[in-house]
Amino acid sequence: MTTTAQETTVRTGVELTGSLPEAAVLGVLRAALAEDAPYGDITSQVLIPAQARATAVLNARVPGVLSGGAVFAAAMKLTDPDAVVELLVADGGRFGAGTPLARVSGNARAVLLAERVALNLVQRMSAIATKTAEFVDRVQGTKARITDTRKTTPGLRVLERYAVRCGGGANHRFSLSDAVLAKDNHLAVITGGDPAKLTAVLRSAKAQLGHTTHFEVEVDRMEQVEPVLAAGVDTIMLDNFTLEELAAGVALVDGRARVEASGNVNLGTVAAIAATGVDVISIGGLTHSVIALDLGLDIELLGVELTDTELTVG
């Protein structure tokens, strides 16, 4: 099914959703364009007349869920501020193969200059949204929420996290500064391997936090659950537990904290994991190992007729 938004025409400035900070997006785009064309696009400069205009369509080669339409538009606007970009499918919209997703009209050199950067980002973001939607579909009818992790591409976290939301998922903590998440290595350091110290050291850590700071602890053995709960944590992560252990862990926690499942999560296992009663299922694979979705930018028409002489002018 194709979800078509009201067509949005980006004519001046850069229009981005409130959940995609403009400064962050423009920072990514400027860095990517500087990397891809540090001294300009010499191919277009020698082949395409400066005054040539073109219209190009972002087409889906395969089905998926769109994310990054506004990022695509912003890339085009950076190389040609006068470009007109129509977003034909909304972020979060599902589409079939052959669906036109966006249309851009502008200076031909500028469109070609932005093409690869725009495609790289929208292809990756849409791949993340598509994969997330597959997981979300599998846990329908349960209370489990699908979330990402910090296993993101350095520098692209704001875009990849947004893509997860486009696919119907939720975000875990954005950075190390946002919440406490004590993992196995933290526990090894603070307890020295002595499980008897676990409750006391966690209580001490919690006492140092403000009342709004979320406190989560990862455990990898059932016997850790009670000592961690005794410290009054907000969420307990059951890492690499079997289905039977997850169900037992949920029963043991019994509403005293939110229960998160992590590890060994794939499309074949996620429904059974959700059925154990966990509240959250975190999946690093949403962002760290996706394959770019097959989208292409196709020139639809040129805006000027070019003479043989003009075709030889760089």
Protein backbone atom coordinates (compact mmCIF):
# COMPACT_ATOMS: atom_id res chain seq x y z
CA MET A 1 0.00 0.00 0.00
CA THR A 2 1.24 3.49 -0.84
CA THR A 3 0.69 6.30 1.64
CA THR A 4 0.60 9.63 -0.16
CA ALA A 5 1.04 12.82 1.83
CA GLN A 6 -0.25 16.19 0.85
CA GLU A 7 2.38 17.28 -1.63
CA THR A 8 4.88 19.51 0.12
CA THR A 9 6.82 21.95 -2.00
CA VAL A 10 10.08 23.15 -0.53
CA ARG A 11 10.69 26.51 -2.20
CA THR A 12 12.63 28.63 0.26
CA GLY A 13 14.79 27.62 3.17
CA VAL A 14 14.82 24.05 4.42
CA GLU A 15 11.65 22.52 5.81
CA LEU A 16 12.29 19.73 8.29
CA THR A 17 10.05 18.00 10.80
CA GLY A 18 10.29 19.07 14.41
CA SER A 19 11.94 15.77 15.28
CA LEU A 20 14.78 16.36 12.82
CA PRO A 21 16.84 19.33 14.08
CA GLU A 22 17.75 21.55 11.14
CA ALA A 23 21.24 22.33 12.41
CA ALA A 24 22.10 18.65 12.80
CA VAL A 25 20.78 17.72 9.36
CA LEU A 26 22.56 20.58 7.63
CA GLY A 27 25.76 19.67 9.44
CA VAL A 28 25.59 16.12 8.10
CA LEU A 29 24.79 17.31 4.59
CA ARG A 30 27.52 19.93 4.45
CA ALA A 31 30.13 17.43 5.67
CA ALA A 32 28.94 14.82 3.15
CA LEU A 33 28.99 17.27 0.24
CA ALA A 34 32.46 18.49 1.23
CA GLU A 35 33.65 14.88 1.24
CA ASP A 36 32.02 14.00 -2.08
CA ALA A 37 32.88 17.14 -4.03
CA PRO A 38 35.68 19.03 -2.23
CA TYR A 39 36.53 21.04 -5.35
CA GLY A 40 33.24 20.72 -7.22
CA ASP A 41 31.82 18.12 -9.61
CA ILE A 42 34.24 18.20 -12.54
CA THR A 43 32.19 15.68 -14.54
CA SER A 44 29.15 17.94 -14.62
CA GLN A 45 31.31 21.01 -15.13
CA VAL A 46 32.74 19.66 -18.38
CA LEU A 47 29.58 17.95 -19.65
CA ILE A 48 26.59 20.01 -18.45
CA PRO A 49 26.10 23.68 -19.47
CA ALA A 50 25.81 25.96 -16.47
CA GLN A 51 22.32 27.16 -17.42
CA ALA A 52 20.82 23.70 -17.99
CA ARG A 53 17.85 22.77 -15.83
CA ALA A 54 16.45 19.34 -15.07
CA THR A 55 13.60 17.59 -13.33
CA ALA A 56 14.39 14.31 -11.61
CA VAL A 57 12.22 11.81 -9.75
CA LEU A 58 13.18 9.76 -6.70
CA ASN A 59 11.76 6.34 -7.55
CA ALA A 60 11.40 3.21 -5.44
CA ARG A 61 12.88 0.10 -7.04
CA VAL A 62 11.57 -2.11 -4.22
CA PRO A 63 8.79 -1.88 -1.60
CA GLY A 64 9.56 -0.22 1.71
CA VAL A 65 8.86 2.49 4.28
CA LEU A 66 10.10 6.00 3.57
CA SER A 67 12.33 7.99 5.86
CA GLY A 68 14.38 11.03 4.93
CA GLY A 69 12.20 12.86 2.45
CA ALA A 70 13.00 16.21 4.04
CA VAL A 71 16.70 15.28 4.15
CA PHE A 72 16.57 14.57 0.41
CA ALA A 73 14.94 17.98 -0.11
CA ALA A 74 17.49 19.75 2.09
CA ALA A 75 20.38 18.23 0.11
CA MET A 76 18.92 19.52 -3.13
CA LYS A 77 18.31 22.96 -1.63
CA LEU A 78 21.90 23.21 -0.42
CA THR A 79 23.25 22.90 -3.95
CA ASP A 80 20.48 24.98 -5.53
CA PRO A 81 18.54 27.25 -3.16
CA ASP A 82 16.00 27.88 -5.93
CA ALA A 83 15.25 24.20 -6.50
CA VAL A 84 11.66 23.07 -6.08
CA VAL A 85 11.23 19.72 -4.31
CA GLU A 86 7.89 17.91 -4.07
CA LEU A 87 7.65 15.20 -1.44
CA LEU A 88 5.13 12.74 -2.82
CA VAL A 89 5.14 10.17 0.01
CA ALA A 90 5.25 11.07 3.69
CA ASP A 91 7.96 9.80 6.00
CA GLY A 92 6.59 6.64 7.59
CA GLY A 93 4.52 5.90 4.49
CA ARG A 94 4.65 2.44 2.99
CA PHE A 95 5.18 2.21 -0.76
CA GLY A 96 5.43 -0.37 -3.50
CA ALA A 97 8.08 -0.90 -6.14
CA GLY A 98 7.85 1.74 -8.85
CA THR A 99 6.36 4.41 -6.60
CA PRO A 100 7.60 7.98 -7.18
CA LEU A 101 8.65 9.31 -3.79
CA ALA A 102 9.82 12.85 -4.57
CA ARG A 103 10.41 15.16 -7.52
CA VAL A 104 13.07 17.87 -7.80
CA SER A 105 13.34 20.63 -10.42
CA GLY A 106 16.40 22.84 -10.50
CA ASN A 107 19.77 23.55 -11.99
CA ALA A 108 20.96 20.34 -13.64
CA ARG A 109 24.51 20.59 -12.30
CA ALA A 110 23.19 21.17 -8.78
CA VAL A 111 20.83 18.20 -8.95
CA LEU A 112 23.67 15.93 -10.04
CA LEU A 113 25.98 17.38 -7.39
CA ALA A 114 23.52 16.52 -4.61
CA GLU A 115 22.36 13.20 -6.07
CA ARG A 116 24.70 10.74 -4.37
CA VAL A 117 24.65 12.36 -0.94
CA ALA A 118 20.86 12.64 -1.02
CA LEU A 119 20.45 9.03 -2.17
CA ASN A 120 22.96 7.62 0.32
CA LEU A 121 21.06 9.15 3.22
CA VAL A 122 17.49 8.48 2.11
CA GLN A 123 18.38 4.91 1.10
CA ARG A 124 19.90 4.18 4.50
CA MET A 125 17.16 5.91 6.47
CA SER A 126 14.44 4.13 4.49
CA ALA A 127 16.19 0.79 5.01
CA ILE A 128 16.14 1.39 8.77
CA ALA A 129 12.48 2.43 8.70
CA THR A 130 11.59 -0.62 6.61
CA LYS A 131 13.39 -3.06 8.89
CA THR A 132 11.91 -1.45 11.99
CA ALA A 133 8.41 -1.74 10.54
CA GLU A 134 8.96 -5.46 9.94
CA PHE A 135 9.80 -5.96 13.61
CA VAL A 136 6.92 -3.78 14.77
CA ASP A 137 4.51 -5.79 12.62
CA ARG A 138 5.71 -9.04 14.22
CA VAL A 139 4.88 -7.91 17.77
CA GLN A 140 1.40 -6.54 17.07
CA GLY A 141 -1.03 -7.61 19.78
CA THR A 142 1.60 -7.60 22.53
CA LYS A 143 2.67 -4.78 24.82
CA ALA A 144 6.29 -4.93 23.68
CA ARG A 145 7.86 -1.83 22.15
CA ILE A 146 10.62 -2.16 19.57
CA THR A 147 13.57 0.13 20.28
CA ASP A 148 16.97 0.86 18.81
CA THR A 149 20.35 1.01 20.58
CA ARG A 150 23.45 3.20 20.38
CA LYS A 151 24.85 0.95 17.63
CA THR A 152 24.51 3.71 15.06
CA THR A 153 26.77 5.13 12.35
CA PRO A 154 29.00 7.80 13.94
CA GLY A 155 27.71 11.20 12.97
CA LEU A 156 24.37 9.91 11.67
CA ARG A 157 22.61 9.02 14.91
CA VAL A 158 20.03 11.80 14.70
CA LEU A 159 19.00 10.61 11.23
CA GLU A 160 19.06 6.89 12.04
CA ARG A 161 17.08 7.34 15.26
CA TYR A 162 14.48 9.37 13.35
CA ALA A 163 14.27 6.56 10.78
CA VAL A 164 13.47 4.08 13.56
CA ARG A 165 10.54 6.26 14.59
CA CYS A 166 9.37 6.44 10.96
CA GLY A 167 9.17 2.64 11.04
CA GLY A 168 6.99 2.66 14.16
CA GLY A 169 9.76 1.93 16.65
CA ALA A 170 10.91 3.90 19.67
CA ASN A 171 14.29 5.24 20.72
CA HIS A 172 16.46 4.09 23.59
CA ARG A 173 18.67 6.70 25.32
CA PHE A 174 20.19 8.96 22.69
CA SER A 175 23.62 9.20 24.31
CA LEU A 176 25.64 8.29 27.37
CA SER A 177 24.56 11.60 28.89
CA ASP A 178 20.84 10.85 28.88
CA ALA A 179 20.33 8.02 31.37
CA VAL A 180 22.14 5.47 33.50
CA LEU A 181 22.52 2.05 31.93
CA ALA A 182 24.79 -0.17 33.99
CA LYS A 183 25.99 -3.06 31.83
CA ASP A 184 28.06 -6.15 32.58
CA ASN A 185 31.41 -4.34 32.43
CA HIS A 186 30.19 -1.63 34.79
CA LEU A 187 29.00 -4.26 37.25
CA ALA A 188 32.28 -6.16 37.02
CA VAL A 189 34.21 -3.02 37.93
CA ILE A 190 32.01 -1.82 40.77
CA THR A 191 31.46 -5.18 42.47
CA GLY A 192 34.82 -6.79 41.82
CA GLY A 193 32.90 -9.94 40.93
CA ASP A 194 31.22 -10.11 44.35
CA PRO A 195 27.43 -10.34 43.76
CA ALA A 196 26.78 -9.54 47.43
CA LYS A 197 27.84 -5.94 46.76
CA LEU A 198 25.41 -5.42 43.88
CA THR A 199 22.44 -3.92 45.71
CA ALA A 200 24.55 -1.59 47.84
CA VAL A 201 26.59 -0.14 44.99
CA LEU A 202 23.52 0.38 42.83
CA ARG A 203 21.67 2.12 45.67
CA SER A 204 24.68 4.37 46.19
CA ALA A 205 24.75 5.25 42.50
CA LYS A 206 21.00 5.94 42.42
CA ALA A 207 21.31 8.27 45.40
CA GLN A 208 23.59 10.51 43.36
CA LEU A 209 21.01 11.03 40.62
CA GLY A 210 18.24 13.54 40.24
CA HIS A 211 14.71 12.21 40.54
CA THR A 212 14.11 12.53 36.77
CA THR A 213 17.10 10.46 35.65
CA HIS A 214 16.21 6.99 34.43
CA PHE A 215 18.21 4.11 35.94
CA GLU A 216 18.52 0.83 34.03
CA VAL A 217 20.65 -2.22 34.79
CA GLU A 218 21.54 -5.12 32.52
CA VAL A 219 21.69 -8.63 33.96
CA ASP A 220 22.78 -11.84 32.31
CA ARG A 221 21.83 -14.31 35.06
CA MET A 222 18.55 -14.88 36.85
CA GLU A 223 20.19 -14.65 40.28
CA GLN A 224 21.06 -11.01 39.59
CA VAL A 225 17.44 -9.96 39.20
CA GLU A 226 16.43 -9.71 42.87
CA PRO A 227 19.57 -7.82 44.03
CA VAL A 228 19.11 -5.33 41.19
CA LEU A 229 15.41 -4.84 41.91
CA ALA A 230 16.21 -4.27 45.57
CA ALA A 231 18.17 -1.18 44.53
CA GLY A 232 15.00 0.41 43.15
CA VAL A 233 15.99 0.62 39.49
CA ASP A 234 13.54 1.76 36.82
CA THR A 235 14.29 -0.82 34.13
CA ILE A 236 15.99 -4.19 34.19
CA MET A 237 17.44 -5.54 30.96
CA LEU A 238 17.45 -9.32 30.57
CA ASP A 239 20.35 -9.93 28.22
CA ASN A 240 20.56 -13.10 26.13
CA PHE A 241 17.96 -14.91 28.22
CA THR A 242 16.13 -17.91 26.77
CA LEU A 243 12.39 -17.62 26.19
CA GLU A 244 11.74 -19.63 29.34
CA GLU A 245 14.09 -17.40 31.33
CA LEU A 246 12.46 -14.26 29.95
CA ALA A 247 9.02 -15.45 31.02
CA ALA A 248 10.38 -16.35 34.45
CA GLY A 249 12.13 -13.00 34.71
CA VAL A 250 8.95 -11.10 33.88
CA ALA A 251 7.11 -13.08 36.54
CA LEU A 252 9.86 -12.44 39.09
CA VAL A 253 9.95 -8.70 38.43
CA ASP A 254 6.15 -8.67 38.70
CA GLY A 255 5.70 -5.02 37.77
CA ARG A 256 8.37 -3.66 40.10
CA ALA A 257 10.35 -2.34 37.11
CA ARG A 258 10.09 -2.17 33.37
CA VAL A 259 11.52 -5.30 31.70
CA GLU A 260 13.66 -5.04 28.57
CA ALA A 261 14.82 -7.99 26.46
CA SER A 262 18.03 -7.79 24.46
CA GLY A 263 20.16 -10.24 22.51
CA ASN A 264 19.33 -12.96 19.99
CA VAL A 265 16.52 -10.87 18.51
CA ASN A 266 15.66 -11.37 14.85
CA LEU A 267 12.51 -11.51 12.75
CA GLY A 268 12.18 -15.21 13.52
CA THR A 269 12.38 -14.82 17.31
CA VAL A 270 10.89 -11.42 18.08
CA ALA A 271 7.24 -12.53 18.28
CA ALA A 272 8.03 -15.24 20.80
CA ILE A 273 10.15 -12.81 22.83
CA ALA A 274 7.30 -10.32 22.89
CA ALA A 275 4.88 -13.05 23.99
CA THR A 276 6.87 -13.54 27.23
CA GLY A 277 5.46 -10.25 28.49
CA VAL A 278 8.50 -8.01 28.27
CA ASP A 279 7.88 -4.28 27.93
CA VAL A 280 10.73 -3.39 25.58
CA ILE A 281 12.79 -5.27 22.98
CA SER A 282 15.99 -3.49 21.97
CA ILE A 283 17.58 -4.41 18.64
CA GLY A 284 21.01 -3.17 17.53
CA GLY A 285 20.43 -4.60 14.07
CA LEU A 286 17.85 -1.91 13.29
CA THR A 287 20.73 0.47 12.63
CA HIS A 288 24.07 -1.31 12.59
CA SER A 289 23.61 -3.81 9.76
CA VAL A 290 20.89 -2.66 7.39
CA ILE A 291 21.36 -2.87 3.62
CA ALA A 292 20.50 0.34 1.78
CA LEU A 293 17.04 0.29 0.23
CA ASP A 294 17.10 0.36 -3.56
CA LEU A 295 15.93 3.86 -4.52
CA GLY A 296 17.03 5.73 -7.62
CA LEU A 297 17.01 9.27 -8.97
CA ASP A 298 15.91 9.38 -12.61
CA ILE A 299 16.10 12.43 -14.85
CA GLU A 300 12.58 13.05 -16.14
CA LEU A 301 13.26 15.99 -18.46
CA LEU A 302 15.61 18.83 -19.26
CA GLY A 303 14.30 22.34 -18.87
CA VAL A 304 16.17 23.83 -21.85
CA GLU A 305 17.06 22.64 -25.32
CA LEU A 306 20.80 22.55 -25.83
CA THR A 307 22.58 23.23 -29.12
CA ASP A 308 25.64 21.26 -30.19
CA THR A 309 27.75 24.29 -29.29
CA GLU A 310 26.23 24.53 -25.79
CA LEU A 311 26.87 20.84 -25.18
CA THR A 312 30.61 21.46 -25.57
CA VAL A 313 30.69 24.37 -23.10
CA GLY A 314 31.91 23.52 -19.61
